[in-house]
Amino acid sequence: MTARPALIRIPRVFLDDHEARDLPTPVIRKTERYHDRIGADDPALPELVSDARHDAEGGIDTRAFPHLFGLVASARATLHAIRKSQETSA
């Protein structure tokens, strides 16, 4: 019996924005109300992390663009979920 790869639960807001910009996006394995689950071994995961890091760590100035606060918060939550999944699998 082969083990299935772990799934990471990430906010849908950031994933939808990432996908809307035609960036390489992980395949959604399961959909929930406000979150999607993606595979921890998805080849598009590094691109998602890079994009989330850019938005979460100063790439978007929420003082100048307050309407993007939710996107930045979602990017931070995405990074947190991915980091947490990597810590538990190590």
C-alpha atoms as a PDB file:
ATOM      1  CA  MET A   1       0.000   0.000   0.000  1.00  0.00           C
ATOM      2  CA  THR A   2       1.473   3.376  -1.012  1.00  0.00           C
ATOM      3  CA  ALA A   3       1.108   6.407   1.199  1.00  0.00           C
ATOM      4  CA  ARG A   4      -0.772   9.348  -0.231  1.00  0.00           C
ATOM      5  CA  PRO A   5       1.013  12.687  -0.191  1.00  0.00           C
ATOM      6  CA  ALA A   6      -0.048  15.110   2.528  1.00  0.00           C
ATOM      7  CA  LEU A   7      -2.593  17.772   1.684  1.00  0.00           C
ATOM      8  CA  ILE A   8      -2.095  21.413   2.651  1.00  0.00           C
ATOM      9  CA  ARG A   9      -5.167  23.459   3.551  1.00  0.00           C
ATOM     10  CA  ILE A  10      -4.746  26.977   2.145  1.00  0.00           C
ATOM     11  CA  PRO A  11      -7.059  29.995   1.831  1.00  0.00           C
ATOM     12  CA  ARG A  12      -8.983  30.162  -1.409  1.00  0.00           C
ATOM     13  CA  VAL A  13      -8.605  33.968  -1.765  1.00  0.00           C
ATOM     14  CA  PHE A  14      -4.872  33.854  -2.430  1.00  0.00           C
ATOM     15  CA  LEU A  15      -5.019  30.714  -4.574  1.00  0.00           C
ATOM     16  CA  ASP A  16      -7.759  32.214  -6.767  1.00  0.00           C
ATOM     17  CA  ASP A  17      -5.738  35.418  -7.248  1.00  0.00           C
ATOM     18  CA  HIS A  18      -2.611  33.423  -8.065  1.00  0.00           C
ATOM     19  CA  GLU A  19      -4.472  31.334 -10.631  1.00  0.00           C
ATOM     20  CA  ALA A  20      -6.223  34.376 -12.150  1.00  0.00           C
ATOM     21  CA  ARG A  21      -2.807  35.795 -13.042  1.00  0.00           C
ATOM     22  CA  ASP A  22      -2.049  32.648 -15.067  1.00  0.00           C
ATOM     23  CA  LEU A  23       0.796  31.567 -12.805  1.00  0.00           C
ATOM     24  CA  PRO A  24       1.633  27.879 -12.327  1.00  0.00           C
ATOM     25  CA  THR A  25      -0.933  26.772  -9.753  1.00  0.00           C
ATOM     26  CA  PRO A  26      -1.125  23.575  -7.711  1.00  0.00           C
ATOM     27  CA  VAL A  27      -3.961  21.209  -8.523  1.00  0.00           C
ATOM     28  CA  ILE A  28      -6.813  21.512  -6.059  1.00  0.00           C
ATOM     29  CA  ARG A  29      -7.388  18.111  -4.509  1.00  0.00           C
ATOM     30  CA  LYS A  30     -10.309  19.070  -2.271  1.00  0.00           C
ATOM     31  CA  THR A  31     -12.519  22.141  -1.990  1.00  0.00           C
ATOM     32  CA  GLU A  32     -13.950  23.445   1.265  1.00  0.00           C
ATOM     33  CA  ARG A  33     -16.015  26.525   2.020  1.00  0.00           C
ATOM     34  CA  TYR A  34     -13.143  29.027   2.310  1.00  0.00           C
ATOM     35  CA  HIS A  35     -10.114  26.805   1.751  1.00  0.00           C
ATOM     36  CA  ASP A  36      -8.707  24.445  -0.819  1.00  0.00           C
ATOM     37  CA  ARG A  37      -6.432  21.494  -0.219  1.00  0.00           C
ATOM     38  CA  ILE A  38      -3.417  21.006  -2.440  1.00  0.00           C
ATOM     39  CA  GLY A  39      -0.789  18.293  -2.512  1.00  0.00           C
ATOM     40  CA  ALA A  40       2.390  18.931  -0.559  1.00  0.00           C
ATOM     41  CA  ASP A  41       4.312  17.380  -3.453  1.00  0.00           C
ATOM     42  CA  ASP A  42       2.733  19.475  -6.228  1.00  0.00           C
ATOM     43  CA  PRO A  43       5.368  20.749  -8.697  1.00  0.00           C
ATOM     44  CA  ALA A  44       3.742  24.221  -8.777  1.00  0.00           C
ATOM     45  CA  LEU A  45       4.119  24.669  -5.002  1.00  0.00           C
ATOM     46  CA  PRO A  46       7.451  26.593  -5.178  1.00  0.00           C
ATOM     47  CA  GLU A  47       5.867  29.185  -7.497  1.00  0.00           C
ATOM     48  CA  LEU A  48       2.921  29.570  -5.116  1.00  0.00           C
ATOM     49  CA  VAL A  49       5.317  30.061  -2.182  1.00  0.00           C
ATOM     50  CA  SER A  50       7.327  32.646  -4.111  1.00  0.00           C
ATOM     51  CA  ASP A  51       4.206  34.613  -5.006  1.00  0.00           C
ATOM     52  CA  ALA A  52       2.816  34.410  -1.464  1.00  0.00           C
ATOM     53  CA  ARG A  53       6.140  35.557  -0.028  1.00  0.00           C
ATOM     54  CA  HIS A  54       6.175  38.560  -2.372  1.00  0.00           C
ATOM     55  CA  ASP A  55       2.658  39.632  -1.381  1.00  0.00           C
ATOM     56  CA  ALA A  56       3.018  38.856   2.328  1.00  0.00           C
ATOM     57  CA  GLU A  57       6.424  40.394   2.899  1.00  0.00           C
ATOM     58  CA  GLY A  58       5.970  43.861   1.478  1.00  0.00           C
ATOM     59  CA  GLY A  59       5.233  43.375  -2.202  1.00  0.00           C
ATOM     60  CA  ILE A  60       1.872  45.076  -1.716  1.00  0.00           C
ATOM     61  CA  ASP A  61       1.578  48.312   0.234  1.00  0.00           C
ATOM     62  CA  THR A  62      -1.766  48.029   2.028  1.00  0.00           C
ATOM     63  CA  ARG A  63      -1.562  51.681   3.118  1.00  0.00           C
ATOM     64  CA  ALA A  64      -1.628  52.749  -0.509  1.00  0.00           C
ATOM     65  CA  PHE A  65      -4.010  49.962  -1.544  1.00  0.00           C
ATOM     66  CA  PRO A  66      -6.210  49.194   1.493  1.00  0.00           C
ATOM     67  CA  HIS A  67      -8.613  47.141  -0.620  1.00  0.00           C
ATOM     68  CA  LEU A  68      -5.846  44.516  -0.974  1.00  0.00           C
ATOM     69  CA  PHE A  69      -5.525  43.902   2.779  1.00  0.00           C
ATOM     70  CA  GLY A  70      -7.504  40.647   2.515  1.00  0.00           C
ATOM     71  CA  LEU A  71      -5.238  39.362  -0.239  1.00  0.00           C
ATOM     72  CA  VAL A  72      -2.128  40.110   1.824  1.00  0.00           C
ATOM     73  CA  ALA A  73      -3.646  38.404   4.873  1.00  0.00           C
ATOM     74  CA  SER A  74      -4.500  35.400   2.713  1.00  0.00           C
ATOM     75  CA  ALA A  75      -0.925  35.284   1.355  1.00  0.00           C
ATOM     76  CA  ARG A  76       0.406  35.277   4.924  1.00  0.00           C
ATOM     77  CA  ALA A  77      -1.992  32.496   5.897  1.00  0.00           C
ATOM     78  CA  THR A  78      -0.916  30.528   2.813  1.00  0.00           C
ATOM     79  CA  LEU A  79       2.745  30.776   3.805  1.00  0.00           C
ATOM     80  CA  HIS A  80       1.923  29.782   7.365  1.00  0.00           C
ATOM     81  CA  ALA A  81      -0.020  26.703   6.216  1.00  0.00           C
ATOM     82  CA  ILE A  82       2.761  25.578   3.884  1.00  0.00           C
ATOM     83  CA  ARG A  83       5.473  26.098   6.520  1.00  0.00           C
ATOM     84  CA  LYS A  84       3.414  24.231   9.104  1.00  0.00           C
ATOM     85  CA  SER A  85       2.894  21.282   6.744  1.00  0.00           C
ATOM     86  CA  GLN A  86       6.614  21.118   6.011  1.00  0.00           C
ATOM     87  CA  GLU A  87       7.478  21.144   9.714  1.00  0.00           C
ATOM     88  CA  THR A  88       5.118  18.279  10.499  1.00  0.00           C
ATOM     89  CA  SER A  89       6.326  16.147   7.591  1.00  0.00           C
ATOM     90  CA  ALA A  90      10.012  16.551   8.452  1.00  0.00           C
END
